[in-house]
Amino acid sequence: MNNPAIENSIADQKNCSACNEVLAADSRFCKYCGADQVREHIVLGNQRWVAIKQAALFYLFDIALCCLALFVPAFKTFGWSVLFDTLLAVVAVAFFSLDWKNNKSILAWRNFSVTRLLSYIILAVAGSLFVSYTIGWLNQTLFSKQLSYYWLYSNLSYGKVIMVIFVAIMPALFEELAYRGYLLQKLLFITENKQAIFISAFLFSIMHMSLISIIWLIPFALLLGYVRVKENTLWYGVVMHFSFNLTVCLIEFHQMAHLA
């Protein structure tokens, strides 16, 4: 049973916006560090509103590019596809760099652990195998079609190498920089951790413009967001994302060899 006295006591308290010490709810100044609580609250509120607008602007750029790729036939060709991927990369790097002071810390790889890295790789590969065969079966059953990434690169010299670059390497680097880097970092400043991870995962899934892919994109993005916050670095997520997408490429290469 809840204790009303304890609940009322907690409700009458707040944390100092500067030093985080516990104060009475009506405190005007912090008795520990002297910070003006009203002014600090207003400043923090303004900073959060700016962060919301910046995050919205970033996502507007990304979603506009994705709509172009989905609805403009020219983007179905290799040349325009390269342009699309390049623009997404530029947007990711530009926004991440604009807030370099707050973002640079997650590019460090402190407390690196080979054991954790291998665990994350195994988890990503296992998830990719499950998703590839499950979504392949759903596409075949529901839409009588087989999803293929290689068709875009099949007529190119070194098509398989180019496919790995654009399907595995670039998304792993630039989608992580954009969504678990810039966007999640903004959301962590705006709201609490769980909400930030869920919002970034949902936005990441919508960006892919595929209704059936949301089935696996949201759980995958939640996992990447959780790992990013837990480990406080972008690099475990980059390796997981690369491992996941590389497995998709290798499955398709294997299937092609089997049919040849």
Protein backbone atom coordinates (compact mmCIF):
# COMPACT_ATOMS: atom_id res chain seq x y z
CA MET A 1 0.00 0.00 0.00
CA ASN A 2 1.26 3.50 -0.86
CA ASN A 3 2.13 5.81 2.01
CA PRO A 4 0.45 9.23 1.44
CA ALA A 5 2.92 10.95 3.76
CA ILE A 6 5.90 9.73 1.70
CA GLU A 7 4.18 10.65 -1.60
CA ASN A 8 3.42 14.17 -0.32
CA SER A 9 7.00 14.56 0.88
CA ILE A 10 8.37 13.62 -2.55
CA ALA A 11 5.89 15.94 -4.27
CA ASP A 12 7.16 18.83 -2.14
CA GLN A 13 10.70 18.35 -3.38
CA LYS A 14 12.64 19.10 -6.55
CA ASN A 15 16.21 18.80 -7.74
CA CYS A 16 18.42 21.82 -8.30
CA SER A 17 18.69 22.47 -12.04
CA ALA A 18 22.40 23.26 -11.63
CA CYS A 19 23.85 20.83 -9.02
CA ASN A 20 20.96 18.32 -8.76
CA GLU A 21 20.74 18.51 -4.96
CA VAL A 22 17.29 17.96 -3.41
CA LEU A 23 15.44 21.18 -2.54
CA ALA A 24 12.01 22.18 -1.35
CA ALA A 25 9.57 22.54 -4.27
CA ASP A 26 9.11 26.29 -3.68
CA SER A 27 12.84 27.10 -3.41
CA ARG A 28 13.80 30.21 -5.37
CA PHE A 29 17.55 29.65 -4.99
CA CYS A 30 19.63 26.55 -4.32
CA LYS A 31 21.00 26.49 -0.76
CA TYR A 32 23.95 24.38 -1.96
CA CYS A 33 25.19 26.19 -5.06
CA GLY A 34 23.09 29.35 -5.08
CA ALA A 35 21.66 28.83 -8.58
CA ASP A 36 18.53 30.82 -9.46
CA GLN A 37 15.96 28.04 -9.90
CA VAL A 38 13.42 30.10 -11.83
CA ARG A 39 15.99 31.44 -14.27
CA GLU A 40 17.62 28.02 -14.72
CA HIS A 41 14.21 26.43 -15.35
CA ILE A 42 13.40 29.02 -18.03
CA VAL A 43 16.82 28.62 -19.69
CA LEU A 44 16.49 24.83 -19.68
CA GLY A 45 12.99 25.06 -21.12
CA ASN A 46 14.21 27.32 -23.94
CA GLN A 47 17.12 24.97 -24.69
CA ARG A 48 14.76 22.01 -24.89
CA TRP A 49 12.46 23.88 -27.27
CA VAL A 50 15.44 24.70 -29.51
CA ALA A 51 16.46 21.02 -29.42
CA ILE A 52 12.93 19.98 -30.46
CA LYS A 53 13.03 22.33 -33.45
CA GLN A 54 16.50 21.14 -34.47
CA ALA A 55 15.46 17.47 -34.26
CA ALA A 56 12.31 18.21 -36.27
CA LEU A 57 14.32 20.03 -38.96
CA PHE A 58 16.73 17.10 -39.25
CA TYR A 59 13.88 14.61 -39.60
CA LEU A 60 12.12 16.82 -42.14
CA PHE A 61 15.23 16.70 -44.36
CA ASP A 62 15.49 12.92 -44.00
CA ILE A 63 11.82 12.15 -44.60
CA ALA A 64 11.72 14.46 -47.64
CA LEU A 65 14.65 12.59 -49.19
CA CYS A 66 13.02 9.23 -48.44
CA CYS A 67 9.76 10.37 -50.06
CA LEU A 68 11.72 11.36 -53.18
CA ALA A 69 13.37 7.94 -53.28
CA LEU A 70 10.01 6.20 -52.89
CA PHE A 71 7.87 8.20 -55.30
CA VAL A 72 10.31 9.45 -57.97
CA PRO A 73 11.08 6.66 -60.50
CA ALA A 74 14.54 8.05 -61.28
CA PHE A 75 15.72 7.08 -57.79
CA LYS A 76 15.24 3.41 -58.72
CA THR A 77 18.40 3.61 -60.86
CA PHE A 78 21.89 3.09 -59.47
CA GLY A 79 23.15 6.63 -60.17
CA TRP A 80 20.24 8.33 -58.44
CA SER A 81 20.39 5.79 -55.63
CA VAL A 82 24.01 6.79 -55.00
CA LEU A 83 22.93 10.44 -54.91
CA PHE A 84 20.20 9.58 -52.39
CA ASP A 85 22.62 7.72 -50.11
CA THR A 86 25.15 10.53 -50.40
CA LEU A 87 22.58 13.17 -49.46
CA LEU A 88 21.46 11.15 -46.42
CA ALA A 89 25.10 10.86 -45.37
CA VAL A 90 25.67 14.61 -45.81
CA VAL A 91 22.58 15.43 -43.73
CA ALA A 92 23.73 13.05 -40.97
CA VAL A 93 27.27 14.45 -40.84
CA ALA A 94 26.11 18.07 -41.10
CA PHE A 95 23.60 17.91 -38.23
CA PHE A 96 25.91 15.81 -36.05
CA SER A 97 28.74 18.29 -36.61
CA LEU A 98 26.57 21.33 -35.87
CA ASP A 99 26.21 20.07 -32.29
CA TRP A 100 29.73 18.69 -32.10
CA LYS A 101 30.31 19.81 -28.51
CA ASN A 102 27.49 17.64 -27.19
CA ASN A 103 27.90 14.78 -29.67
CA LYS A 104 31.63 14.11 -29.81
CA SER A 105 31.67 12.09 -26.57
CA ILE A 106 29.68 9.22 -28.12
CA LEU A 107 32.36 8.76 -30.81
CA ALA A 108 34.78 7.60 -28.11
CA TRP A 109 34.95 3.86 -27.45
CA ARG A 110 35.79 3.71 -23.74
CA ASN A 111 35.77 0.41 -21.86
CA PHE A 112 35.95 -1.55 -25.10
CA SER A 113 35.15 -5.22 -24.56
CA VAL A 114 35.79 -7.95 -27.13
CA THR A 115 33.32 -10.20 -25.30
CA ARG A 116 30.53 -7.63 -25.48
CA LEU A 117 31.37 -6.86 -29.11
CA LEU A 118 31.17 -10.52 -30.11
CA SER A 119 27.92 -10.92 -28.17
CA TYR A 120 26.38 -7.99 -30.01
CA ILE A 121 27.61 -9.32 -33.38
CA ILE A 122 26.12 -12.77 -32.71
CA LEU A 123 22.84 -11.17 -31.65
CA ALA A 124 22.75 -9.03 -34.82
CA VAL A 125 23.56 -11.95 -37.14
CA ALA A 126 20.96 -14.19 -35.49
CA GLY A 127 18.36 -11.43 -35.78
CA SER A 128 19.25 -10.85 -39.43
CA LEU A 129 18.88 -14.54 -40.27
CA PHE A 130 15.50 -14.68 -38.57
CA VAL A 131 14.26 -11.46 -40.20
CA SER A 132 15.56 -12.33 -43.69
CA TYR A 133 13.82 -15.68 -43.88
CA THR A 134 10.66 -14.54 -42.06
CA ILE A 135 10.15 -11.39 -44.14
CA GLY A 136 11.08 -13.31 -47.29
CA TRP A 137 8.37 -15.85 -46.48
CA LEU A 138 5.82 -13.09 -45.75
CA ASN A 139 6.61 -11.28 -49.02
CA GLN A 140 6.29 -14.53 -50.95
CA THR A 141 3.06 -15.53 -49.19
CA LEU A 142 1.29 -12.17 -49.11
CA PHE A 143 2.58 -10.46 -52.24
CA SER A 144 3.98 -13.35 -54.33
CA LYS A 145 7.30 -11.57 -54.75
CA GLN A 146 10.86 -12.00 -53.56
CA LEU A 147 12.68 -8.97 -52.19
CA SER A 148 16.09 -8.44 -53.77
CA TYR A 149 18.73 -5.81 -53.12
CA TYR A 150 21.20 -7.09 -55.68
CA TRP A 151 19.12 -6.26 -58.77
CA LEU A 152 20.24 -2.63 -58.52
CA TYR A 153 23.92 -3.66 -58.68
CA SER A 154 23.72 -6.78 -60.86
CA ASN A 155 24.88 -5.07 -64.07
CA LEU A 156 27.87 -3.36 -62.47
CA SER A 157 31.44 -4.51 -62.36
CA TYR A 158 32.18 -5.66 -58.82
CA GLY A 159 28.43 -5.48 -58.13
CA LYS A 160 28.67 -7.55 -54.95
CA VAL A 161 31.37 -5.32 -53.48
CA ILE A 162 29.39 -2.19 -54.35
CA MET A 163 26.27 -3.73 -52.81
CA VAL A 164 28.11 -4.39 -49.53
CA ILE A 165 29.31 -0.77 -49.51
CA PHE A 166 25.84 0.73 -50.05
CA VAL A 167 23.73 -1.84 -48.18
CA ALA A 168 26.00 -2.70 -45.24
CA ILE A 169 28.76 -0.14 -44.70
CA MET A 170 27.10 3.20 -45.44
CA PRO A 171 23.84 2.57 -43.54
CA ALA A 172 25.79 1.24 -40.56
CA LEU A 173 27.87 4.40 -40.40
CA PHE A 174 25.49 7.15 -41.40
CA GLU A 175 22.14 5.86 -40.10
CA GLU A 176 23.76 5.28 -36.72
CA LEU A 177 25.37 8.71 -36.83
CA ALA A 178 21.98 10.23 -37.67
CA TYR A 179 19.54 8.28 -35.52
CA ARG A 180 21.47 6.85 -32.57
CA GLY A 181 23.89 9.75 -32.75
CA TYR A 182 22.33 13.12 -33.52
CA LEU A 183 18.60 12.42 -33.08
CA LEU A 184 18.79 10.21 -29.99
CA GLN A 185 21.23 12.64 -28.36
CA LYS A 186 18.71 15.45 -28.86
CA LEU A 187 15.85 13.33 -27.55
CA LEU A 188 17.83 12.35 -24.44
CA PHE A 189 18.14 16.06 -23.67
CA ILE A 190 14.42 16.63 -24.27
CA THR A 191 12.93 13.65 -22.44
CA GLU A 192 13.88 10.61 -20.32
CA ASN A 193 15.85 7.68 -21.66
CA LYS A 194 13.09 5.15 -22.39
CA GLN A 195 10.92 7.68 -24.20
CA ALA A 196 13.91 8.93 -26.21
CA ILE A 197 14.79 5.38 -27.31
CA PHE A 198 11.18 4.60 -28.29
CA ILE A 199 10.70 7.87 -30.22
CA SER A 200 13.98 7.49 -32.13
CA ALA A 201 13.14 3.85 -32.97
CA PHE A 202 9.71 4.82 -34.29
CA LEU A 203 11.08 7.67 -36.41
CA PHE A 204 13.86 5.45 -37.75
CA SER A 205 11.31 2.81 -38.78
CA ILE A 206 9.01 5.31 -40.49
CA MET A 207 11.98 6.70 -42.44
CA HIS A 208 12.36 3.37 -44.28
CA MET A 209 8.93 3.79 -45.89
CA SER A 210 8.02 0.09 -45.73
CA LEU A 211 4.95 -1.04 -43.84
CA ILE A 212 5.94 -4.71 -43.64
CA SER A 213 9.49 -3.82 -42.52
CA ILE A 214 8.16 -2.01 -39.44
CA ILE A 215 7.57 -5.49 -37.98
CA TRP A 216 11.32 -5.90 -37.49
CA LEU A 217 12.65 -2.35 -37.83
CA ILE A 218 11.13 -1.12 -34.56
CA PRO A 219 12.57 -3.97 -32.41
CA PHE A 220 15.94 -3.64 -34.14
CA ALA A 221 15.99 0.13 -33.63
CA LEU A 222 14.97 -0.29 -29.98
CA LEU A 223 17.89 -2.68 -29.49
CA LEU A 224 20.34 -0.27 -31.16
CA GLY A 225 19.03 2.61 -29.08
CA TYR A 226 19.29 0.59 -25.86
CA VAL A 227 22.88 -0.44 -26.67
CA ARG A 228 23.81 3.15 -27.54
CA VAL A 229 22.49 4.48 -24.20
CA LYS A 230 23.82 1.55 -22.14
CA GLU A 231 27.32 1.64 -23.61
CA ASN A 232 27.44 5.43 -24.13
CA THR A 233 29.15 4.99 -27.49
CA LEU A 234 28.01 4.78 -31.09
CA TRP A 235 30.41 2.05 -32.16
CA TYR A 236 28.77 -1.10 -30.80
CA GLY A 237 25.63 -0.07 -32.68
CA VAL A 238 27.61 0.61 -35.86
CA VAL A 239 29.13 -2.88 -35.73
CA MET A 240 25.72 -4.45 -34.98
CA HIS A 241 24.07 -2.57 -37.85
CA PHE A 242 26.88 -3.56 -40.22
CA SER A 243 26.70 -7.22 -39.11
CA PHE A 244 22.94 -7.28 -39.58
CA ASN A 245 23.04 -5.79 -43.09
CA LEU A 246 26.10 -7.75 -44.18
CA THR A 247 24.29 -10.96 -43.25
CA VAL A 248 21.40 -9.89 -45.51
CA CYS A 249 23.89 -9.41 -48.37
CA LEU A 250 25.55 -12.78 -47.77
CA ILE A 251 22.18 -14.58 -47.66
CA GLU A 252 21.27 -13.07 -51.02
CA PHE A 253 24.65 -14.00 -52.51
CA HIS A 254 24.18 -17.56 -51.26
CA GLN A 255 20.69 -17.78 -52.75
CA MET A 256 21.98 -16.46 -56.10
CA ALA A 257 24.78 -19.05 -56.14
CA HIS A 258 22.28 -21.79 -55.31
CA LEU A 259 20.02 -20.78 -58.21
CA ALA A 260 22.89 -20.44 -60.72
